[in-house]
Protein backbone atom coordinates (compact mmCIF):
# COMPACT_ATOMS: atom_id res chain seq x y z
CA UNK A 1 136.16 94.74 75.75
CA UNK A 2 133.67 92.67 74.17
CA UNK A 3 136.39 91.71 72.00
CA UNK A 4 138.30 90.46 74.76
CA UNK A 5 135.13 88.39 76.01
CA UNK A 6 134.33 86.86 72.91
CA UNK A 7 137.92 85.65 72.62
CA UNK A 8 137.49 83.73 75.70
CA UNK A 9 133.72 82.29 76.07
CA UNK A 10 130.75 82.48 73.44
CA UNK A 11 128.30 85.55 74.44
CA UNK A 12 125.86 87.54 72.78
CA UNK A 13 126.52 91.49 72.29
CA UNK A 14 125.08 94.36 70.61
CA UNK A 15 127.87 96.16 68.12
CA UNK A 16 127.54 98.57 65.32
CA UNK A 17 127.02 97.22 62.33
CA UNK A 18 130.19 98.04 60.37
CA UNK A 19 131.76 96.49 63.26
CA UNK A 20 129.85 93.39 62.92
CA UNK A 21 130.37 92.75 59.25
CA UNK A 22 134.20 92.98 59.61
CA UNK A 23 134.52 90.47 62.31
CA UNK A 24 131.70 88.39 60.55
CA UNK A 25 133.63 88.64 56.99
CA UNK A 26 137.03 87.57 59.37
CA UNK A 27 134.76 84.55 60.80
CA UNK A 28 134.90 85.59 64.40
CA UNK A 29 131.55 86.47 64.18
CA UNK A 30 128.28 85.41 63.38
CA UNK A 31 124.45 85.76 62.95
CA UNK A 32 121.99 83.55 65.24
CA UNK A 33 118.46 83.61 62.99
CA UNK A 34 115.71 82.69 65.81
CA UNK A 35 111.99 81.73 64.83
CA UNK A 36 110.99 81.64 68.48
CA UNK A 37 110.82 84.40 71.12
CA UNK A 38 113.85 84.63 73.30
CA UNK A 39 113.13 83.29 76.86
CA UNK A 40 113.61 86.19 79.15
CA UNK A 41 112.31 89.81 78.82
CA UNK A 42 114.67 92.64 78.28
CA UNK A 43 117.69 93.46 79.58
CA UNK A 44 117.21 97.18 79.27
CA UNK A 45 120.16 100.00 78.81
CA UNK A 46 122.97 100.71 81.43
CA UNK A 47 124.51 103.90 81.60
CA UNK A 48 127.02 105.39 83.92
CA UNK A 49 125.48 107.43 86.74
CA UNK A 50 128.03 110.47 85.71
CA UNK A 51 130.11 111.67 83.01
CA UNK A 52 127.79 110.60 80.11
CA UNK A 53 128.81 112.20 77.11
CA UNK A 54 126.54 113.92 74.87
CA UNK A 55 126.99 111.37 72.02
CA UNK A 56 126.05 108.55 74.84
CA UNK A 57 122.89 110.56 75.88
CA UNK A 58 121.63 110.52 72.48
CA UNK A 59 121.89 107.20 71.17
CA UNK A 60 120.77 106.19 74.73
CA UNK A 61 117.70 108.22 73.99
CA UNK A 62 117.08 106.98 70.62
CA UNK A 63 117.20 103.43 71.64
CA UNK A 64 114.47 103.97 74.48
CA UNK A 65 112.54 105.61 71.71
CA UNK A 66 113.24 103.21 69.24
CA UNK A 67 112.66 100.26 71.74
CA UNK A 68 109.27 101.45 72.80
CA UNK A 69 107.53 101.65 69.69
CA UNK A 70 108.20 97.93 68.69
């Protein structure tokens, strides 16, 4: 979905490092180094209300815990 959206407009997205590196090597993505804090609060984590796989739940739990430590 991110790939299709990126073809139509510029956007900021979160993708796995392995996917990002392939797209960066193909000159489809780039990194943006920011020296200043972003002018908005964290957006949070969106999950479906039901039918969430155990893998998705595990990643979400890890992200919650990791981000609270920062």
